[in-house]
């Protein structure tokens, strides 16, 4: 007979894995970081997303009984999430690809922005909070099982988005014409704006 704690972690890993690999805002943020100066930037964004998702899972697992109504949680997180995506799109549109290649630095502080953006987006994602709350409400588990589940979330997100980011970075690094690079950057910014507006509309209309 399968151990209940293992079954709970496996259930969460499976359901979250399906959500994670579906193209969405997190993938867009990794794509945005893949436009950076090195492959380390999308990895930093991936670790930020993993950290944020883990924080959301930990809060849901430990505070399910005292969390506010899911509608309120969705409204607050959706609004913050939309503003964050709009800010990211704005910075992407203002960024100069030429300057980004010239100002090469190995300073670890250069990785702070993609990490913080990824972490903030994952915490504020209006789908993550309700998803984790709903899961832990329907799957009562011990503190050790909850901790294992949260660690699993971190490992899954870190591995998937890191691989995705490195692959996208190397694809972007292939010598292609400058106007196509500019088109891709603007298209990505537009996609972020569309997702932000759609998220806000769904947030206020529900």
C-alpha atoms as a PDB file:
ATOM      1  CA  UNK A   1       0.000   0.000   0.000  1.00  0.00           C
ATOM      2  CA  UNK A   2       1.366   3.424  -0.960  1.00  0.00           C
ATOM      3  CA  UNK A   3       2.377   5.606   1.967  1.00  0.00           C
ATOM      4  CA  UNK A   4      -0.083   8.489   2.388  1.00  0.00           C
ATOM      5  CA  UNK A   5       2.658  11.140   2.631  1.00  0.00           C
ATOM      6  CA  UNK A   6       4.316   9.898  -0.549  1.00  0.00           C
ATOM      7  CA  UNK A   7       0.958   9.846  -2.322  1.00  0.00           C
ATOM      8  CA  UNK A   8       0.315  13.451  -1.271  1.00  0.00           C
ATOM      9  CA  UNK A   9       3.699  14.682  -2.514  1.00  0.00           C
ATOM     10  CA  UNK A  10       3.324  12.716  -5.743  1.00  0.00           C
ATOM     11  CA  UNK A  11      -0.131  14.167  -6.307  1.00  0.00           C
ATOM     12  CA  UNK A  12       1.127  17.718  -5.785  1.00  0.00           C
ATOM     13  CA  UNK A  13       4.184  17.148  -7.991  1.00  0.00           C
ATOM     14  CA  UNK A  14       2.050  15.758 -10.796  1.00  0.00           C
ATOM     15  CA  UNK A  15      -0.588  18.484 -10.708  1.00  0.00           C
ATOM     16  CA  UNK A  16       1.941  21.303 -10.305  1.00  0.00           C
ATOM     17  CA  UNK A  17       4.145  19.820 -13.007  1.00  0.00           C
ATOM     18  CA  UNK A  18       1.291  19.973 -15.494  1.00  0.00           C
ATOM     19  CA  UNK A  19       0.624  23.601 -14.573  1.00  0.00           C
ATOM     20  CA  UNK A  20       4.328  24.452 -14.668  1.00  0.00           C
ATOM     21  CA  UNK A  21       5.076  23.161 -18.175  1.00  0.00           C
ATOM     22  CA  UNK A  22       2.046  24.928 -19.639  1.00  0.00           C
ATOM     23  CA  UNK A  23       3.252  28.155 -21.342  1.00  0.00           C
ATOM     24  CA  UNK A  24       2.337  31.128 -19.184  1.00  0.00           C
ATOM     25  CA  UNK A  25       3.666  34.244 -17.420  1.00  0.00           C
ATOM     26  CA  UNK A  26       6.544  32.416 -15.732  1.00  0.00           C
ATOM     27  CA  UNK A  27       7.800  31.200 -19.097  1.00  0.00           C
ATOM     28  CA  UNK A  28       7.545  34.752 -20.455  1.00  0.00           C
ATOM     29  CA  UNK A  29       9.688  36.049 -17.590  1.00  0.00           C
ATOM     30  CA  UNK A  30      12.287  33.368 -18.264  1.00  0.00           C
ATOM     31  CA  UNK A  31      12.240  34.337 -21.945  1.00  0.00           C
ATOM     32  CA  UNK A  32      12.760  37.962 -20.942  1.00  0.00           C
ATOM     33  CA  UNK A  33      15.802  36.985 -18.849  1.00  0.00           C
ATOM     34  CA  UNK A  34      17.125  34.885 -21.740  1.00  0.00           C
ATOM     35  CA  UNK A  35      17.637  38.187 -23.590  1.00  0.00           C
ATOM     36  CA  UNK A  36      20.304  39.068 -21.026  1.00  0.00           C
ATOM     37  CA  UNK A  37      24.073  38.989 -21.157  1.00  0.00           C
ATOM     38  CA  UNK A  38      24.639  35.400 -20.038  1.00  0.00           C
ATOM     39  CA  UNK A  39      22.858  32.122 -19.421  1.00  0.00           C
ATOM     40  CA  UNK A  40      23.132  32.806 -15.700  1.00  0.00           C
ATOM     41  CA  UNK A  41      20.379  35.442 -15.893  1.00  0.00           C
ATOM     42  CA  UNK A  42      17.574  33.046 -16.903  1.00  0.00           C
ATOM     43  CA  UNK A  43      18.862  30.621 -14.269  1.00  0.00           C
ATOM     44  CA  UNK A  44      18.574  33.411 -11.694  1.00  0.00           C
ATOM     45  CA  UNK A  45      15.020  34.059 -12.883  1.00  0.00           C
ATOM     46  CA  UNK A  46      14.276  30.327 -12.639  1.00  0.00           C
ATOM     47  CA  UNK A  47      15.564  30.194  -9.067  1.00  0.00           C
ATOM     48  CA  UNK A  48      13.456  33.259  -8.268  1.00  0.00           C
ATOM     49  CA  UNK A  49      10.352  31.591  -9.669  1.00  0.00           C
ATOM     50  CA  UNK A  50      11.147  28.429  -7.709  1.00  0.00           C
ATOM     51  CA  UNK A  51      11.633  30.439  -4.516  1.00  0.00           C
ATOM     52  CA  UNK A  52       8.380  32.341  -5.011  1.00  0.00           C
ATOM     53  CA  UNK A  53       6.389  29.195  -5.790  1.00  0.00           C
ATOM     54  CA  UNK A  54       7.860  27.511  -2.727  1.00  0.00           C
ATOM     55  CA  UNK A  55       6.961  30.489  -0.540  1.00  0.00           C
ATOM     56  CA  UNK A  56       3.382  30.399  -1.850  1.00  0.00           C
ATOM     57  CA  UNK A  57       3.207  26.650  -1.177  1.00  0.00           C
ATOM     58  CA  UNK A  58       4.630  27.028   2.344  1.00  0.00           C
ATOM     59  CA  UNK A  59       2.183  29.805   3.214  1.00  0.00           C
ATOM     60  CA  UNK A  60      -0.709  27.747   1.883  1.00  0.00           C
ATOM     61  CA  UNK A  61       0.416  24.631   3.753  1.00  0.00           C
ATOM     62  CA  UNK A  62       0.954  26.327   7.115  1.00  0.00           C
ATOM     63  CA  UNK A  63      -1.728  29.020   7.115  1.00  0.00           C
ATOM     64  CA  UNK A  64      -4.629  27.461   5.222  1.00  0.00           C
ATOM     65  CA  UNK A  65      -7.078  27.930   8.076  1.00  0.00           C
ATOM     66  CA  UNK A  66      -6.302  31.631   8.574  1.00  0.00           C
ATOM     67  CA  UNK A  67      -5.824  32.757   4.988  1.00  0.00           C
ATOM     68  CA  UNK A  68      -8.379  35.271   3.704  1.00  0.00           C
ATOM     69  CA  UNK A  69     -11.136  34.322   1.310  1.00  0.00           C
ATOM     70  CA  UNK A  70      -9.736  32.993  -1.971  1.00  0.00           C
ATOM     71  CA  UNK A  71     -11.492  35.755  -3.897  1.00  0.00           C
ATOM     72  CA  UNK A  72      -9.711  38.454  -1.877  1.00  0.00           C
ATOM     73  CA  UNK A  73      -6.422  36.619  -2.244  1.00  0.00           C
ATOM     74  CA  UNK A  74      -6.936  36.355  -5.999  1.00  0.00           C
ATOM     75  CA  UNK A  75      -7.822  40.042  -6.335  1.00  0.00           C
ATOM     76  CA  UNK A  76      -4.805  41.304  -4.406  1.00  0.00           C
ATOM     77  CA  UNK A  77      -2.312  38.923  -6.012  1.00  0.00           C
ATOM     78  CA  UNK A  78      -3.794  39.473  -9.482  1.00  0.00           C
ATOM     79  CA  UNK A  79      -3.449  43.248  -9.223  1.00  0.00           C
ATOM     80  CA  UNK A  80       0.149  43.058  -7.976  1.00  0.00           C
ATOM     81  CA  UNK A  81       0.981  40.468 -10.611  1.00  0.00           C
ATOM     82  CA  UNK A  82      -0.407  42.657 -13.408  1.00  0.00           C
ATOM     83  CA  UNK A  83       1.564  45.687 -12.233  1.00  0.00           C
ATOM     84  CA  UNK A  84       4.747  43.622 -12.048  1.00  0.00           C
ATOM     85  CA  UNK A  85       4.321  42.328 -15.602  1.00  0.00           C
ATOM     86  CA  UNK A  86       3.615  45.837 -16.911  1.00  0.00           C
ATOM     87  CA  UNK A  87       6.754  47.145 -15.212  1.00  0.00           C
ATOM     88  CA  UNK A  88       8.799  44.292 -16.690  1.00  0.00           C
ATOM     89  CA  UNK A  89       7.418  44.976 -20.175  1.00  0.00           C
ATOM     90  CA  UNK A  90       8.166  48.683 -19.828  1.00  0.00           C
ATOM     91  CA  UNK A  91      11.777  48.048 -18.840  1.00  0.00           C
ATOM     92  CA  UNK A  92      12.160  45.573 -21.684  1.00  0.00           C
ATOM     93  CA  UNK A  93      10.919  48.119 -24.226  1.00  0.00           C
ATOM     94  CA  UNK A  94      13.259  50.802 -22.876  1.00  0.00           C
ATOM     95  CA  UNK A  95      16.307  48.509 -22.756  1.00  0.00           C
ATOM     96  CA  UNK A  96      18.975  48.970 -25.407  1.00  0.00           C
ATOM     97  CA  UNK A  97      20.260  45.665 -26.812  1.00  0.00           C
ATOM     98  CA  UNK A  98      23.552  47.304 -27.757  1.00  0.00           C
ATOM     99  CA  UNK A  99      24.154  48.675 -24.269  1.00  0.00           C
ATOM    100  CA  UNK A 100      23.245  45.311 -22.765  1.00  0.00           C
ATOM    101  CA  UNK A 101      26.035  43.662 -24.737  1.00  0.00           C
ATOM    102  CA  UNK A 102      28.655  46.323 -24.019  1.00  0.00           C
ATOM    103  CA  UNK A 103      28.127  46.652 -20.278  1.00  0.00           C
ATOM    104  CA  UNK A 104      29.227  43.110 -19.463  1.00  0.00           C
ATOM    105  CA  UNK A 105      29.825  42.497 -15.780  1.00  0.00           C
ATOM    106  CA  UNK A 106      30.334  39.457 -13.615  1.00  0.00           C
ATOM    107  CA  UNK A 107      28.996  41.270 -10.571  1.00  0.00           C
ATOM    108  CA  UNK A 108      26.569  39.008  -8.730  1.00  0.00           C
ATOM    109  CA  UNK A 109      24.330  42.034  -8.153  1.00  0.00           C
ATOM    110  CA  UNK A 110      23.496  41.949 -11.862  1.00  0.00           C
ATOM    111  CA  UNK A 111      21.497  38.783 -11.167  1.00  0.00           C
ATOM    112  CA  UNK A 112      19.401  40.408  -8.464  1.00  0.00           C
ATOM    113  CA  UNK A 113      16.797  41.848 -10.827  1.00  0.00           C
ATOM    114  CA  UNK A 114      15.829  38.637 -12.687  1.00  0.00           C
ATOM    115  CA  UNK A 115      15.786  36.734  -9.398  1.00  0.00           C
ATOM    116  CA  UNK A 116      13.565  39.263  -7.627  1.00  0.00           C
ATOM    117  CA  UNK A 117      11.237  39.614 -10.610  1.00  0.00           C
ATOM    118  CA  UNK A 118      10.846  35.851 -10.838  1.00  0.00           C
ATOM    119  CA  UNK A 119      10.287  35.494  -7.107  1.00  0.00           C
ATOM    120  CA  UNK A 120       7.779  38.348  -6.913  1.00  0.00           C
ATOM    121  CA  UNK A 121       5.863  37.100  -9.945  1.00  0.00           C
ATOM    122  CA  UNK A 122       5.613  33.581  -8.573  1.00  0.00           C
ATOM    123  CA  UNK A 123       4.401  34.782  -5.173  1.00  0.00           C
ATOM    124  CA  UNK A 124       1.845  37.167  -6.697  1.00  0.00           C
ATOM    125  CA  UNK A 125       0.686  34.814  -9.450  1.00  0.00           C
ATOM    126  CA  UNK A 126      -3.121  34.771  -9.018  1.00  0.00           C
ATOM    127  CA  UNK A 127      -3.215  31.101  -9.968  1.00  0.00           C
ATOM    128  CA  UNK A 128      -0.495  29.804  -7.636  1.00  0.00           C
ATOM    129  CA  UNK A 129      -1.986  30.928  -4.327  1.00  0.00           C
ATOM    130  CA  UNK A 130      -5.474  29.503  -4.855  1.00  0.00           C
ATOM    131  CA  UNK A 131      -3.954  26.360  -6.409  1.00  0.00           C
ATOM    132  CA  UNK A 132      -1.804  25.601  -3.371  1.00  0.00           C
ATOM    133  CA  UNK A 133      -4.535  26.578  -0.901  1.00  0.00           C
ATOM    134  CA  UNK A 134      -7.044  24.329  -2.625  1.00  0.00           C
ATOM    135  CA  UNK A 135      -4.565  21.468  -2.668  1.00  0.00           C
ATOM    136  CA  UNK A 136      -3.627  21.642   1.003  1.00  0.00           C
ATOM    137  CA  UNK A 137      -7.250  22.124   2.056  1.00  0.00           C
ATOM    138  CA  UNK A 138      -8.183  18.883   0.320  1.00  0.00           C
ATOM    139  CA  UNK A 139      -5.003  17.025   1.334  1.00  0.00           C
ATOM    140  CA  UNK A 140      -4.449  17.168   5.072  1.00  0.00           C
ATOM    141  CA  UNK A 141      -0.802  16.360   5.754  1.00  0.00           C
ATOM    142  CA  UNK A 142       1.772  16.436   8.517  1.00  0.00           C
ATOM    143  CA  UNK A 143       4.381  19.211   8.795  1.00  0.00           C
ATOM    144  CA  UNK A 144       7.086  16.889   7.463  1.00  0.00           C
ATOM    145  CA  UNK A 145       4.968  15.952   4.455  1.00  0.00           C
ATOM    146  CA  UNK A 146       4.185  19.624   3.805  1.00  0.00           C
ATOM    147  CA  UNK A 147       7.907  20.467   3.983  1.00  0.00           C
ATOM    148  CA  UNK A 148       8.719  17.662   1.553  1.00  0.00           C
ATOM    149  CA  UNK A 149       5.984  18.896  -0.779  1.00  0.00           C
ATOM    150  CA  UNK A 150       7.354  22.459  -0.708  1.00  0.00           C
ATOM    151  CA  UNK A 151      10.890  21.220  -1.375  1.00  0.00           C
ATOM    152  CA  UNK A 152       9.545  19.221  -4.315  1.00  0.00           C
ATOM    153  CA  UNK A 153       7.919  22.369  -5.708  1.00  0.00           C
ATOM    154  CA  UNK A 154      11.245  24.218  -5.503  1.00  0.00           C
ATOM    155  CA  UNK A 155      13.209  21.454  -7.222  1.00  0.00           C
ATOM    156  CA  UNK A 156      10.663  21.010 -10.011  1.00  0.00           C
ATOM    157  CA  UNK A 157      10.408  24.728 -10.757  1.00  0.00           C
ATOM    158  CA  UNK A 158      14.157  25.341 -10.488  1.00  0.00           C
ATOM    159  CA  UNK A 159      15.042  22.486 -12.836  1.00  0.00           C
ATOM    160  CA  UNK A 160      12.338  23.100 -15.450  1.00  0.00           C
ATOM    161  CA  UNK A 161      12.721  26.863 -15.755  1.00  0.00           C
ATOM    162  CA  UNK A 162      16.537  26.686 -15.619  1.00  0.00           C
ATOM    163  CA  UNK A 163      16.618  24.237 -18.519  1.00  0.00           C
ATOM    164  CA  UNK A 164      14.061  26.313 -20.402  1.00  0.00           C
ATOM    165  CA  UNK A 165      16.019  29.513 -19.802  1.00  0.00           C
ATOM    166  CA  UNK A 166      19.384  28.084 -20.880  1.00  0.00           C
ATOM    167  CA  UNK A 167      17.873  26.590 -24.037  1.00  0.00           C
ATOM    168  CA  UNK A 168      16.180  29.878 -24.921  1.00  0.00           C
ATOM    169  CA  UNK A 169      19.381  31.814 -24.231  1.00  0.00           C
ATOM    170  CA  UNK A 170      21.411  29.634 -26.588  1.00  0.00           C
ATOM    171  CA  UNK A 171      18.716  29.861 -29.261  1.00  0.00           C
ATOM    172  CA  UNK A 172      18.766  33.650 -28.900  1.00  0.00           C
ATOM    173  CA  UNK A 173      22.584  33.634 -29.054  1.00  0.00           C
ATOM    174  CA  UNK A 174      22.572  32.126 -32.539  1.00  0.00           C
ATOM    175  CA  UNK A 175      23.629  34.768 -35.033  1.00  0.00           C
ATOM    176  CA  UNK A 176      20.410  36.208 -36.423  1.00  0.00           C
ATOM    177  CA  UNK A 177      19.683  39.542 -37.986  1.00  0.00           C
ATOM    178  CA  UNK A 178      19.415  42.521 -35.667  1.00  0.00           C
ATOM    179  CA  UNK A 179      15.894  43.484 -36.777  1.00  0.00           C
ATOM    180  CA  UNK A 180      14.642  39.995 -35.881  1.00  0.00           C
ATOM    181  CA  UNK A 181      16.163  40.349 -32.411  1.00  0.00           C
ATOM    182  CA  UNK A 182      14.384  43.676 -32.013  1.00  0.00           C
ATOM    183  CA  UNK A 183      11.132  42.158 -33.247  1.00  0.00           C
ATOM    184  CA  UNK A 184      11.425  39.317 -30.729  1.00  0.00           C
ATOM    185  CA  UNK A 185      12.093  41.748 -27.886  1.00  0.00           C
ATOM    186  CA  UNK A 186       9.097  43.900 -28.774  1.00  0.00           C
ATOM    187  CA  UNK A 187       6.856  40.863 -29.291  1.00  0.00           C
ATOM    188  CA  UNK A 188       7.839  39.554 -25.849  1.00  0.00           C
ATOM    189  CA  UNK A 189       7.073  42.918 -24.259  1.00  0.00           C
ATOM    190  CA  UNK A 190       3.691  42.971 -25.997  1.00  0.00           C
ATOM    191  CA  UNK A 191       2.953  39.458 -24.740  1.00  0.00           C
ATOM    192  CA  UNK A 192       3.746  40.551 -21.176  1.00  0.00           C
ATOM    193  CA  UNK A 193       1.401  43.535 -21.539  1.00  0.00           C
ATOM    194  CA  UNK A 194      -1.394  41.338 -22.923  1.00  0.00           C
ATOM    195  CA  UNK A 195      -1.020  38.829 -20.087  1.00  0.00           C
ATOM    196  CA  UNK A 196      -0.959  41.646 -17.519  1.00  0.00           C
ATOM    197  CA  UNK A 197      -4.126  43.270 -18.889  1.00  0.00           C
ATOM    198  CA  UNK A 198      -5.882  39.928 -19.229  1.00  0.00           C
ATOM    199  CA  UNK A 199      -4.972  38.978 -15.655  1.00  0.00           C
ATOM    200  CA  UNK A 200      -6.228  42.310 -14.324  1.00  0.00           C
ATOM    201  CA  UNK A 201      -9.462  42.032 -16.296  1.00  0.00           C
ATOM    202  CA  UNK A 202     -10.119  38.536 -14.994  1.00  0.00           C
ATOM    203  CA  UNK A 203      -9.258  39.688 -11.489  1.00  0.00           C
ATOM    204  CA  UNK A 204     -11.744  42.573 -11.415  1.00  0.00           C
ATOM    205  CA  UNK A 205     -14.474  40.791 -13.361  1.00  0.00           C
ATOM    206  CA  UNK A 206     -14.712  37.633 -11.253  1.00  0.00           C
END
